[in-house]
Protein backbone atom coordinates (compact mmCIF):
# COMPACT_ATOMS: atom_id res chain seq x y z
CA UNK A 1 0.01 -0.08 -0.07
CA UNK A 2 0.96 3.58 -0.46
CA UNK A 3 1.00 5.97 2.59
CA UNK A 4 1.89 9.72 2.68
CA UNK A 5 4.03 10.78 5.63
CA UNK A 6 3.80 14.41 6.38
CA UNK A 7 6.53 16.61 8.23
CA UNK A 8 6.95 20.17 9.19
CA UNK A 9 10.26 21.86 7.94
CA UNK A 10 11.98 25.19 8.26
CA UNK A 11 13.59 26.58 5.10
CA UNK A 12 16.46 28.73 4.75
CA UNK A 13 16.01 32.38 3.27
CA UNK A 14 17.19 31.15 -0.05
CA UNK A 15 14.84 28.20 0.08
CA UNK A 16 11.89 30.47 1.04
CA UNK A 17 12.52 32.64 -2.02
CA UNK A 18 12.81 29.52 -4.28
CA UNK A 19 9.80 28.13 -2.88
CA UNK A 20 7.82 31.49 -3.24
CA UNK A 21 9.00 31.57 -6.79
CA UNK A 22 8.00 27.77 -7.49
CA UNK A 23 4.48 28.42 -5.94
CA UNK A 24 3.97 31.45 -8.16
CA UNK A 25 5.03 29.71 -11.18
CA UNK A 26 2.53 26.49 -10.38
CA UNK A 27 -0.13 29.01 -9.69
CA UNK A 28 0.33 31.03 -12.87
CA UNK A 29 0.54 28.01 -15.11
CA UNK A 30 -2.62 26.23 -13.53
CA UNK A 31 -4.60 29.45 -14.00
CA UNK A 32 -3.43 30.56 -17.42
CA UNK A 33 -3.89 27.22 -18.92
CA UNK A 34 -7.35 26.74 -17.10
CA UNK A 35 -8.41 30.17 -18.69
CA UNK A 36 -7.05 29.05 -22.02
CA UNK A 37 -8.97 25.79 -22.07
CA UNK A 38 -12.16 27.49 -20.97
CA UNK A 39 -11.84 30.19 -23.63
CA UNK A 40 -11.12 27.56 -26.34
CA UNK A 41 -14.36 25.63 -25.34
CA UNK A 42 -16.68 28.66 -25.06
CA UNK A 43 -15.36 30.67 -28.05
CA UNK A 44 -14.35 28.00 -30.57
CA UNK A 45 -15.93 24.68 -29.13
CA UNK A 46 -12.54 23.12 -28.81
CA UNK A 47 -11.77 20.45 -26.16
CA UNK A 48 -8.44 20.58 -24.97
CA UNK A 49 -6.59 17.76 -23.13
CA UNK A 50 -3.36 17.16 -21.33
CA UNK A 51 -1.27 16.88 -24.39
CA UNK A 52 -2.64 20.12 -25.55
CA UNK A 53 -1.97 21.81 -22.33
CA UNK A 54 1.38 20.51 -21.97
CA UNK A 55 2.30 21.92 -25.54
CA UNK A 56 0.70 25.24 -24.45
CA UNK A 57 2.92 25.28 -21.37
CA UNK A 58 6.00 24.57 -23.65
CA UNK A 59 5.08 27.44 -25.98
CA UNK A 60 4.68 29.65 -23.03
CA UNK A 61 8.16 28.96 -21.76
CA UNK A 62 9.67 30.01 -25.02
CA UNK A 63 8.00 33.50 -25.07
CA UNK A 64 10.35 36.13 -23.68
CA UNK A 65 7.84 37.73 -21.29
CA UNK A 66 7.37 34.31 -19.68
CA UNK A 67 11.11 33.42 -19.45
CA UNK A 68 10.84 33.28 -15.67
CA UNK A 69 9.13 30.00 -15.72
CA UNK A 70 12.37 28.35 -16.60
CA UNK A 71 13.88 29.61 -13.37
CA UNK A 72 12.07 26.82 -11.56
CA UNK A 73 12.05 23.12 -11.99
CA UNK A 74 9.72 22.09 -14.61
CA UNK A 75 8.34 18.99 -12.85
CA UNK A 76 5.83 20.93 -10.41
CA UNK A 77 4.53 22.82 -13.46
CA UNK A 78 3.79 19.65 -15.47
CA UNK A 79 2.22 17.88 -12.33
CA UNK A 80 -0.04 21.05 -11.79
CA UNK A 81 -1.47 20.13 -15.38
CA UNK A 82 -1.85 16.50 -14.49
CA UNK A 83 -3.70 17.81 -11.39
CA UNK A 84 -6.01 19.99 -13.69
CA UNK A 85 -6.80 17.02 -15.89
CA UNK A 86 -7.87 14.98 -13.00
CA UNK A 87 -10.03 17.84 -11.93
CA UNK A 88 -11.59 17.97 -15.34
CA UNK A 89 -12.04 14.34 -15.32
CA UNK A 90 -13.92 14.56 -11.89
CA UNK A 91 -15.85 17.41 -13.37
CA UNK A 92 -17.17 15.57 -16.28
CA UNK A 93 -17.81 12.42 -14.24
CA UNK A 94 -20.14 14.36 -11.89
CA UNK A 95 -17.91 14.01 -8.94
CA UNK A 96 -16.97 17.58 -8.37
CA UNK A 97 -17.72 21.05 -9.69
CA UNK A 98 -15.80 22.81 -12.40
CA UNK A 99 -11.95 23.55 -11.75
CA UNK A 100 -11.51 26.87 -9.89
CA UNK A 101 -8.64 29.24 -10.08
CA UNK A 102 -5.79 29.05 -7.60
CA UNK A 103 -5.40 32.08 -5.08
CA UNK A 104 -1.94 33.17 -3.64
CA UNK A 105 -3.91 33.79 -0.40
CA UNK A 106 -4.69 30.17 0.19
CA UNK A 107 -2.75 27.05 0.62
CA UNK A 108 0.12 26.78 -2.03
CA UNK A 109 1.74 23.40 -3.11
CA UNK A 110 4.15 21.86 -5.57
CA UNK A 111 4.43 18.15 -6.34
CA UNK A 112 7.89 16.91 -6.99
CA UNK A 113 8.44 13.45 -8.65
CA UNK A 114 11.73 11.29 -8.36
CA UNK A 115 13.42 13.45 -11.15
CA UNK A 116 13.01 16.74 -8.92
CA UNK A 117 14.39 15.63 -5.46
CA UNK A 118 16.71 13.46 -3.82
CA UNK A 119 16.38 11.50 -0.63
CA UNK A 120 20.08 10.43 0.52
CA UNK A 121 21.16 9.62 3.95
CA UNK A 122 17.94 10.75 5.63
CA UNK A 123 18.31 14.02 3.92
CA UNK A 124 15.89 15.50 1.53
CA UNK A 125 16.88 17.91 -1.46
CA UNK A 126 14.72 19.69 -3.86
CA UNK A 127 15.69 20.72 -7.28
CA UNK A 128 17.47 24.06 -7.86
CA UNK A 129 18.51 23.96 -4.06
CA UNK A 130 22.13 22.99 -2.87
CA UNK A 131 21.31 22.64 0.73
CA UNK A 132 18.85 20.04 2.26
CA UNK A 133 15.53 20.83 3.74
CA UNK A 134 15.44 21.09 7.54
CA UNK A 135 12.78 18.57 8.00
CA UNK A 136 11.76 17.60 11.64
CA UNK A 137 11.54 13.73 11.03
CA UNK A 138 9.13 12.78 13.89
CA UNK A 139 9.07 9.31 12.42
CA UNK A 140 11.23 7.22 9.95
CA UNK A 141 10.22 6.77 6.39
CA UNK A 142 9.66 3.18 5.60
CA UNK A 143 11.52 3.52 2.23
CA UNK A 144 12.66 6.20 -0.18
CA UNK A 145 9.57 8.38 -1.12
CA UNK A 146 8.35 8.10 -4.75
CA UNK A 147 6.67 11.54 -4.85
CA UNK A 148 7.15 14.60 -2.64
CA UNK A 149 4.61 17.48 -2.10
CA UNK A 150 5.97 20.60 -0.66
CA UNK A 151 3.25 22.95 0.86
CA UNK A 152 2.73 26.24 2.59
CA UNK A 153 -0.37 27.00 4.65
CA UNK A 154 -2.14 30.46 5.07
CA UNK A 155 -0.42 30.96 8.46
CA UNK A 156 3.00 30.64 6.50
CA UNK A 157 3.80 27.05 7.99
CA UNK A 158 5.89 24.67 5.53
CA UNK A 159 5.19 21.03 5.29
CA UNK A 160 6.66 18.15 3.18
CA UNK A 161 4.46 15.14 2.32
CA UNK A 162 6.41 11.97 1.29
CA UNK A 163 4.65 9.25 -0.62
CA UNK A 164 5.94 5.68 0.27
CA UNK A 165 5.32 2.32 0.02
CA UNK A 166 4.61 0.34 3.22
CA UNK A 167 3.39 -2.92 4.53
CA UNK A 168 0.39 -2.63 6.91
CA UNK A 169 0.59 -4.80 9.94
CA UNK A 170 -2.94 -6.41 10.93
CA UNK A 171 -3.77 -6.18 14.46
CA UNK A 172 -4.59 -9.27 16.64
CA UNK A 173 -8.06 -10.49 16.04
CA UNK A 174 -10.71 -9.60 18.78
CA UNK A 175 -14.30 -10.59 19.51
CA UNK A 176 -15.29 -7.04 20.23
CA UNK A 177 -17.74 -5.15 18.09
CA UNK A 178 -19.27 -1.72 18.41
CA UNK A 179 -21.82 0.38 16.97
CA UNK A 180 -21.65 4.16 17.01
CA UNK A 181 -24.13 6.75 16.37
CA UNK A 182 -22.52 10.42 15.57
CA UNK A 183 -23.93 13.37 16.78
CA UNK A 184 -23.52 16.97 17.94
CA UNK A 185 -24.08 16.93 21.78
CA UNK A 186 -21.61 13.99 21.73
CA UNK A 187 -19.26 13.33 18.73
CA UNK A 188 -20.53 9.78 19.00
CA UNK A 189 -22.08 7.36 21.23
CA UNK A 190 -21.45 3.68 21.49
CA UNK A 191 -24.05 0.89 21.86
CA UNK A 192 -22.60 0.27 25.25
CA UNK A 193 -23.54 3.77 26.33
CA UNK A 194 -20.21 5.50 26.23
CA UNK A 195 -20.47 9.08 25.09
CA UNK A 196 -17.48 11.06 23.94
CA UNK A 197 -18.76 14.61 24.24
CA UNK A 198 -18.00 17.32 21.92
CA UNK A 199 -14.98 19.59 22.37
CA UNK A 200 -16.56 22.37 20.00
CA UNK A 201 -13.21 23.64 18.85
CA UNK A 202 -14.85 26.63 16.71
CA UNK A 203 -16.97 27.78 19.64
CA UNK A 204 -13.77 27.66 21.95
CA UNK A 205 -11.98 30.06 19.88
CA UNK A 206 -14.96 32.14 18.49
CA UNK A 207 -14.55 35.19 20.67
CA UNK A 208 -10.85 35.59 19.71
CA UNK A 209 -11.61 34.86 15.95
CA UNK A 210 -14.44 37.47 15.99
CA UNK A 211 -12.16 39.91 17.40
CA UNK A 212 -9.43 39.38 14.73
CA UNK A 213 -11.84 39.39 12.09
CA UNK A 214 -13.30 42.59 13.05
CA UNK A 215 -9.74 44.15 13.13
CA UNK A 216 -8.94 42.75 9.74
CA UNK A 217 -12.16 44.36 8.28
CA UNK A 218 -10.87 47.79 9.31
CA UNK A 219 -7.28 47.53 7.74
CA UNK A 220 -6.72 49.14 4.56
CA UNK A 221 -6.64 46.86 1.56
CA UNK A 222 -3.29 46.01 0.14
CA UNK A 223 -1.52 47.32 3.13
CA UNK A 224 1.20 45.33 5.16
CA UNK A 225 -0.94 45.59 8.38
CA UNK A 226 -3.95 43.72 6.46
CA UNK A 227 -1.58 40.99 5.55
CA UNK A 228 -0.39 40.79 9.13
CA UNK A 229 -4.06 40.55 10.36
CA UNK A 230 -5.06 38.14 7.77
CA UNK A 231 -2.10 35.92 9.08
CA UNK A 232 -3.45 36.14 12.59
CA UNK A 233 -6.94 35.13 11.38
CA UNK A 234 -5.47 32.19 9.46
CA UNK A 235 -3.55 31.10 12.66
CA UNK A 236 -6.75 30.71 14.59
CA UNK A 237 -8.20 28.62 11.80
CA UNK A 238 -5.27 26.55 11.66
CA UNK A 239 -5.34 26.00 15.46
CA UNK A 240 -8.99 24.89 15.27
CA UNK A 241 -8.29 22.59 12.31
CA UNK A 242 -5.24 21.13 13.89
CA UNK A 243 -7.09 20.44 17.39
CA UNK A 244 -10.20 18.91 15.51
CA UNK A 245 -7.89 16.64 13.56
CA UNK A 246 -5.88 15.42 16.57
CA UNK A 247 -9.02 14.63 18.45
CA UNK A 248 -10.44 12.71 15.50
CA UNK A 249 -7.29 10.56 14.91
CA UNK A 250 -7.23 9.75 18.51
CA UNK A 251 -10.89 8.55 18.69
CA UNK A 252 -10.71 6.61 15.33
CA UNK A 253 -7.38 5.13 16.41
CA UNK A 254 -8.95 3.93 19.75
CA UNK A 255 -11.98 2.43 18.05
CA UNK A 256 -9.91 0.35 15.55
CA UNK A 257 -7.53 -0.89 18.14
CA UNK A 258 -10.30 -2.09 20.40
CA UNK A 259 -12.92 -3.58 18.02
CA UNK A 260 -12.87 -5.96 15.17
CA UNK A 261 -16.12 -4.60 13.60
CA UNK A 262 -17.11 -1.11 13.62
CA UNK A 263 -20.58 -0.35 12.41
CA UNK A 264 -21.49 3.43 11.39
CA UNK A 265 -24.21 5.44 9.55
CA UNK A 266 -23.94 6.55 5.93
CA UNK A 267 -24.49 10.30 6.29
CA UNK A 268 -24.87 12.80 3.43
CA UNK A 269 -23.25 15.60 5.28
CA UNK A 270 -23.08 17.93 2.20
CA UNK A 271 -26.68 17.91 2.21
CA UNK A 272 -27.16 18.12 6.06
CA UNK A 273 -24.85 21.06 6.33
CA UNK A 274 -27.42 23.19 4.30
CA UNK A 275 -29.33 23.59 7.43
CA UNK A 276 -28.55 27.23 8.44
CA UNK A 277 -28.94 26.68 12.14
CA UNK A 278 -26.79 23.61 12.48
CA UNK A 279 -24.13 24.10 9.75
CA UNK A 280 -21.49 25.50 11.66
CA UNK A 281 -21.83 22.69 14.40
CA UNK A 282 -22.05 19.99 11.74
CA UNK A 283 -18.72 21.37 10.00
CA UNK A 284 -16.96 21.61 13.23
CA UNK A 285 -17.88 17.91 14.18
CA UNK A 286 -16.02 16.68 11.25
CA UNK A 287 -18.31 13.55 10.67
CA UNK A 288 -17.07 12.80 7.13
CA UNK A 289 -13.36 13.01 8.14
CA UNK A 290 -14.07 10.76 11.11
CA UNK A 291 -15.42 8.04 9.04
CA UNK A 292 -12.81 8.23 6.43
CA UNK A 293 -10.23 7.89 9.22
CA UNK A 294 -12.15 4.83 10.43
CA UNK A 295 -12.24 3.15 6.82
CA UNK A 296 -8.55 3.51 6.05
CA UNK A 297 -7.27 2.61 9.57
CA UNK A 298 -9.50 -0.49 9.56
CA UNK A 299 -8.22 -1.41 6.15
CA UNK A 300 -4.63 -1.21 7.48
CA UNK A 301 -5.27 -2.98 10.71
CA UNK A 302 -7.30 -5.84 9.22
CA UNK A 303 -10.55 -4.74 10.74
CA UNK A 304 -14.05 -4.30 9.38
CA UNK A 305 -15.84 -0.87 9.09
CA UNK A 306 -19.49 -1.28 7.96
CA UNK A 307 -21.70 1.59 6.88
CA UNK A 308 -25.47 0.94 6.91
CA UNK A 309 -28.04 2.42 4.66
CA UNK A 310 -28.55 6.27 5.27
CA UNK A 311 -32.48 5.74 5.34
CA UNK A 312 -32.28 3.01 8.09
CA UNK A 313 -34.54 4.34 10.92
CA UNK A 314 -31.86 3.63 13.77
CA UNK A 315 -33.25 6.28 16.00
CA UNK A 316 -37.03 5.82 15.77
CA UNK A 317 -36.74 1.77 15.99
CA UNK A 318 -37.12 0.18 19.39
CA UNK A 319 -33.77 -1.79 19.84
CA UNK A 320 -35.67 -4.38 22.23
CA UNK A 321 -38.80 -5.19 20.15
CA UNK A 322 -38.17 -3.62 16.80
CA UNK A 323 -41.29 -1.31 16.65
CA UNK A 324 -40.75 1.73 14.59
CA UNK A 325 -42.21 5.18 15.56
CA UNK A 326 -43.67 7.24 12.90
CA UNK A 327 -41.77 10.29 13.83
CA UNK A 328 -39.44 11.44 16.63
CA UNK A 329 -38.69 14.97 17.41
CA UNK A 330 -35.10 16.07 17.46
CA UNK A 331 -35.27 17.55 21.03
CA UNK A 332 -36.72 14.33 22.30
CA UNK A 333 -33.75 12.69 24.01
CA UNK A 334 -35.55 9.83 26.08
CA UNK A 335 -38.61 7.95 24.54
CA UNK A 336 -40.52 5.02 25.73
CA UNK A 337 -41.67 2.46 23.27
CA UNK A 338 -45.39 1.88 23.02
CA UNK A 339 -45.01 -1.91 22.28
CA UNK A 340 -42.85 -3.13 24.89
CA UNK A 341 -42.48 -0.02 27.36
CA UNK A 342 -38.91 0.03 27.23
CA UNK A 343 -37.40 3.40 27.93
CA UNK A 344 -34.52 4.26 25.41
CA UNK A 345 -31.83 6.88 25.45
CA UNK A 346 -32.07 8.23 21.97
CA UNK A 347 -28.43 7.99 20.90
CA UNK A 348 -27.77 4.81 22.54
CA UNK A 349 -30.71 3.08 21.06
CA UNK A 350 -29.54 4.09 17.72
CA UNK A 351 -26.12 2.79 18.27
CA UNK A 352 -27.52 -0.40 19.15
CA UNK A 353 -29.61 -0.62 15.99
CA UNK A 354 -26.72 0.50 13.94
CA UNK A 355 -24.65 -2.24 15.42
CA UNK A 356 -27.35 -4.84 14.67
CA UNK A 357 -27.82 -3.66 11.22
CA UNK A 358 -23.87 -3.38 10.60
CA UNK A 359 -23.65 -7.08 11.82
CA UNK A 360 -26.30 -8.30 9.47
CA UNK A 361 -24.95 -6.38 6.48
CA UNK A 362 -21.41 -8.14 7.35
CA UNK A 363 -22.88 -11.49 7.56
CA UNK A 364 -25.32 -11.39 4.56
CA UNK A 365 -23.67 -8.81 2.27
CA UNK A 366 -26.83 -7.16 1.65
CA UNK A 367 -28.13 -3.52 2.34
CA UNK A 368 -30.78 -3.36 5.37
CA UNK A 369 -33.99 -2.25 4.29
CA UNK A 370 -35.88 0.49 6.74
């Protein structure tokens, strides 16, 4: 399997200048070729592919006004066109929106293949730079990387992501299984009644973020003070994102380590986030990322992660007798079954039903009907 290992590094002043130039060239090539492809279709009804786009890049580099494109490695420029082609493929397949232009105020990235970097004696060298990158190797690489992606986030931090081949080690088989119901009051609740709580990272930093955003709005556009204020806002957003990811990684790893089968719901978060009252809380919870982590960590560890049908009435069905209520209001946290008189906690009951449905799907290989 392939796995990306991400590290932070601290570039020298010369490397900062080279990286800024590389990011700028990558962004310029991506945006100019995207504009050229869009105009070719709408004005002349021409469909442009990767081969034509690559030829266009070669022509641009030969023009005197764009001679500065030759000052950086050609590999990240070509890789940006490959990414653009993948974006168009996803768009035509209905998996994503039309490719958007890249902004210099957001995350910057440049991908290097084997011909544009060297990994030797535990040191990483990029093309056009004589000194190695000062990488904080928090864990060793399993092998020499096949691809390296250098990025700079909005607060100005530099990261390097190394794509390597690795052999996943399966965990010992255990008899434990668990069903989990994700929510907002608690990030998830298990069928045994365990509740994680919700750290609500966005709400924790909301007051500070509001203050910094108000200060940013008062700065003159284009000024250095506005750039400094924008960096401060970006740092708060990065802090929130880092805290959220750290918590999700710890919880998903604990579930995978302790259980052989993890049963979850299939949620359409993209549709749920349209609720104006709950959109911020849903986005802060990170349900999609949590399920994604469970799936790939389960695959690495030899565990089974089962997602049941999204229309399965896990909340309204009694886990004791199977009776299904016609409707159940969101503010009702405890309810009593009219058939067997069993009293249920809303989330724990849903987790029990999810576990039963997930085990049935795992055993029969079929979707569970409501």
